[in-house]
Amino acid sequence: MWKPTQAGATVSVHIDGAPCRVPADSSVASVLLQQRKVIWREGRARTPLCLMGVCYECLVWIDGKQQQGCQVPVAEGMEIETGGEHAG
């Protein structure tokens, strides 16, 4: 569930192991788009497409669990993996 945040608030997350400060009111998918990160699944490059939970193109690993990035708000300390060892 989305919670209102203070304007300009940020959180620290790790994307593919790299630390990154991102807007606190963002979804994981929007952060990946802002950071120009490619999602790797089944050996193919993917990118968030519909941003409303229908297409599954934003499927990533969040804190060790595969989830749709467009449906998950970022949180302090979150670990986001776009492929690597979990890739299809």
C-alpha atoms as a PDB file:
ATOM      1  CA  MET A   1       0.000   0.000   0.000  1.00  0.00           C
ATOM      2  CA  TRP A   2       1.286   3.443  -0.928  1.00  0.00           C
ATOM      3  CA  LYS A   3       1.885   5.864   1.913  1.00  0.00           C
ATOM      4  CA  PRO A   4       2.263   9.628   1.522  1.00  0.00           C
ATOM      5  CA  THR A   5       5.842  10.824   1.967  1.00  0.00           C
ATOM      6  CA  GLN A   6       7.463  14.145   2.658  1.00  0.00           C
ATOM      7  CA  ALA A   7       8.319  16.041  -0.529  1.00  0.00           C
ATOM      8  CA  GLY A   8      11.888  15.282  -1.578  1.00  0.00           C
ATOM      9  CA  ALA A   9      12.241  12.312   0.791  1.00  0.00           C
ATOM     10  CA  THR A  10      14.569   9.548  -0.381  1.00  0.00           C
ATOM     11  CA  VAL A  11      15.417   6.005   0.658  1.00  0.00           C
ATOM     12  CA  SER A  12      18.543   3.942   0.150  1.00  0.00           C
ATOM     13  CA  VAL A  13      18.186   0.744  -1.893  1.00  0.00           C
ATOM     14  CA  HIS A  14      20.601  -1.626  -3.616  1.00  0.00           C
ATOM     15  CA  ILE A  15      20.105  -2.328  -7.308  1.00  0.00           C
ATOM     16  CA  ASP A  16      22.136  -5.323  -8.472  1.00  0.00           C
ATOM     17  CA  GLY A  17      24.334  -4.810  -5.419  1.00  0.00           C
ATOM     18  CA  ALA A  18      25.020  -1.112  -6.011  1.00  0.00           C
ATOM     19  CA  PRO A  19      23.753   1.402  -3.441  1.00  0.00           C
ATOM     20  CA  CYS A  20      21.377   4.034  -4.765  1.00  0.00           C
ATOM     21  CA  ARG A  21      19.278   6.837  -3.220  1.00  0.00           C
ATOM     22  CA  VAL A  22      15.851   7.047  -4.819  1.00  0.00           C
ATOM     23  CA  PRO A  23      12.632   9.037  -4.291  1.00  0.00           C
ATOM     24  CA  ALA A  24      10.691   7.494  -1.401  1.00  0.00           C
ATOM     25  CA  ASP A  25       7.363   7.720  -3.214  1.00  0.00           C
ATOM     26  CA  SER A  26       8.455   5.593  -6.211  1.00  0.00           C
ATOM     27  CA  SER A  27       7.644   2.077  -7.299  1.00  0.00           C
ATOM     28  CA  VAL A  28      10.515  -0.313  -7.946  1.00  0.00           C
ATOM     29  CA  ALA A  29       9.674  -0.266 -11.680  1.00  0.00           C
ATOM     30  CA  SER A  30       9.769   3.531 -11.896  1.00  0.00           C
ATOM     31  CA  VAL A  31      13.134   3.576 -10.112  1.00  0.00           C
ATOM     32  CA  LEU A  32      14.509   1.050 -12.617  1.00  0.00           C
ATOM     33  CA  LEU A  33      13.296   3.242 -15.470  1.00  0.00           C
ATOM     34  CA  GLN A  34      14.841   6.347 -13.870  1.00  0.00           C
ATOM     35  CA  GLN A  35      18.147   4.502 -13.399  1.00  0.00           C
ATOM     36  CA  ARG A  36      17.988   3.118 -16.972  1.00  0.00           C
ATOM     37  CA  LYS A  37      18.311  -0.443 -15.691  1.00  0.00           C
ATOM     38  CA  VAL A  38      17.498  -3.383 -17.924  1.00  0.00           C
ATOM     39  CA  ILE A  39      15.605  -6.341 -16.480  1.00  0.00           C
ATOM     40  CA  TRP A  40      16.971  -9.717 -17.608  1.00  0.00           C
ATOM     41  CA  ARG A  41      14.591 -12.652 -17.822  1.00  0.00           C
ATOM     42  CA  GLU A  42      14.954 -15.826 -19.860  1.00  0.00           C
ATOM     43  CA  GLY A  43      18.119 -14.385 -21.402  1.00  0.00           C
ATOM     44  CA  ARG A  44      16.302 -11.385 -22.858  1.00  0.00           C
ATOM     45  CA  ALA A  45      16.332  -7.705 -21.993  1.00  0.00           C
ATOM     46  CA  ARG A  46      13.010  -6.482 -20.595  1.00  0.00           C
ATOM     47  CA  THR A  47      11.680  -3.143 -19.391  1.00  0.00           C
ATOM     48  CA  PRO A  48       8.577  -2.101 -17.449  1.00  0.00           C
ATOM     49  CA  LEU A  49       5.779  -1.655 -19.971  1.00  0.00           C
ATOM     50  CA  CYS A  50       2.238  -1.221 -18.644  1.00  0.00           C
ATOM     51  CA  LEU A  51       3.126  -0.095 -15.080  1.00  0.00           C
ATOM     52  CA  MET A  52      -0.206  -1.418 -13.768  1.00  0.00           C
ATOM     53  CA  GLY A  53       0.477  -5.102 -13.103  1.00  0.00           C
ATOM     54  CA  VAL A  54      -0.813  -6.671 -16.316  1.00  0.00           C
ATOM     55  CA  CYS A  55       2.196  -7.397 -18.532  1.00  0.00           C
ATOM     56  CA  TYR A  56       4.761  -8.843 -16.040  1.00  0.00           C
ATOM     57  CA  GLU A  57       7.643  -7.225 -17.960  1.00  0.00           C
ATOM     58  CA  CYS A  58       8.840  -5.631 -14.699  1.00  0.00           C
ATOM     59  CA  LEU A  59       9.287  -8.960 -12.882  1.00  0.00           C
ATOM     60  CA  VAL A  60      12.384  -8.642 -10.656  1.00  0.00           C
ATOM     61  CA  TRP A  61      13.756 -10.099  -7.429  1.00  0.00           C
ATOM     62  CA  ILE A  62      12.990  -7.897  -4.427  1.00  0.00           C
ATOM     63  CA  ASP A  63      14.538  -8.962  -1.126  1.00  0.00           C
ATOM     64  CA  GLY A  64      14.899 -12.498  -2.493  1.00  0.00           C
ATOM     65  CA  LYS A  65      11.324 -12.847  -3.750  1.00  0.00           C
ATOM     66  CA  GLN A  66      10.226 -12.518  -7.381  1.00  0.00           C
ATOM     67  CA  GLN A  67       7.663  -9.706  -7.699  1.00  0.00           C
ATOM     68  CA  GLN A  68       6.244  -7.220 -10.172  1.00  0.00           C
ATOM     69  CA  GLY A  69       8.236  -4.035  -9.668  1.00  0.00           C
ATOM     70  CA  CYS A  70       5.331  -1.797 -10.639  1.00  0.00           C
ATOM     71  CA  GLN A  71       3.290  -3.123  -7.715  1.00  0.00           C
ATOM     72  CA  VAL A  72       5.934  -2.631  -4.996  1.00  0.00           C
ATOM     73  CA  PRO A  73       6.887   0.717  -3.444  1.00  0.00           C
ATOM     74  CA  VAL A  74      10.574   1.176  -2.643  1.00  0.00           C
ATOM     75  CA  ALA A  75      11.590   0.867   1.001  1.00  0.00           C
ATOM     76  CA  GLU A  76      14.720   1.649   2.988  1.00  0.00           C
ATOM     77  CA  GLY A  77      17.349  -1.077   2.571  1.00  0.00           C
ATOM     78  CA  MET A  78      15.508  -2.921  -0.196  1.00  0.00           C
ATOM     79  CA  GLU A  79      17.588  -5.290  -2.348  1.00  0.00           C
ATOM     80  CA  ILE A  80      16.537  -5.265  -6.016  1.00  0.00           C
ATOM     81  CA  GLU A  81      18.005  -7.742  -8.517  1.00  0.00           C
ATOM     82  CA  THR A  82      17.293  -7.331 -12.223  1.00  0.00           C
ATOM     83  CA  GLY A  83      18.772 -10.643 -13.356  1.00  0.00           C
ATOM     84  CA  GLY A  84      22.070 -12.248 -12.468  1.00  0.00           C
ATOM     85  CA  GLU A  85      21.839 -15.522 -10.532  1.00  0.00           C
ATOM     86  CA  HIS A  86      18.032 -15.421 -10.572  1.00  0.00           C
ATOM     87  CA  ALA A  87      17.706 -14.828 -14.329  1.00  0.00           C
ATOM     88  CA  GLY A  88      15.495 -17.311 -16.206  1.00  0.00           C
END
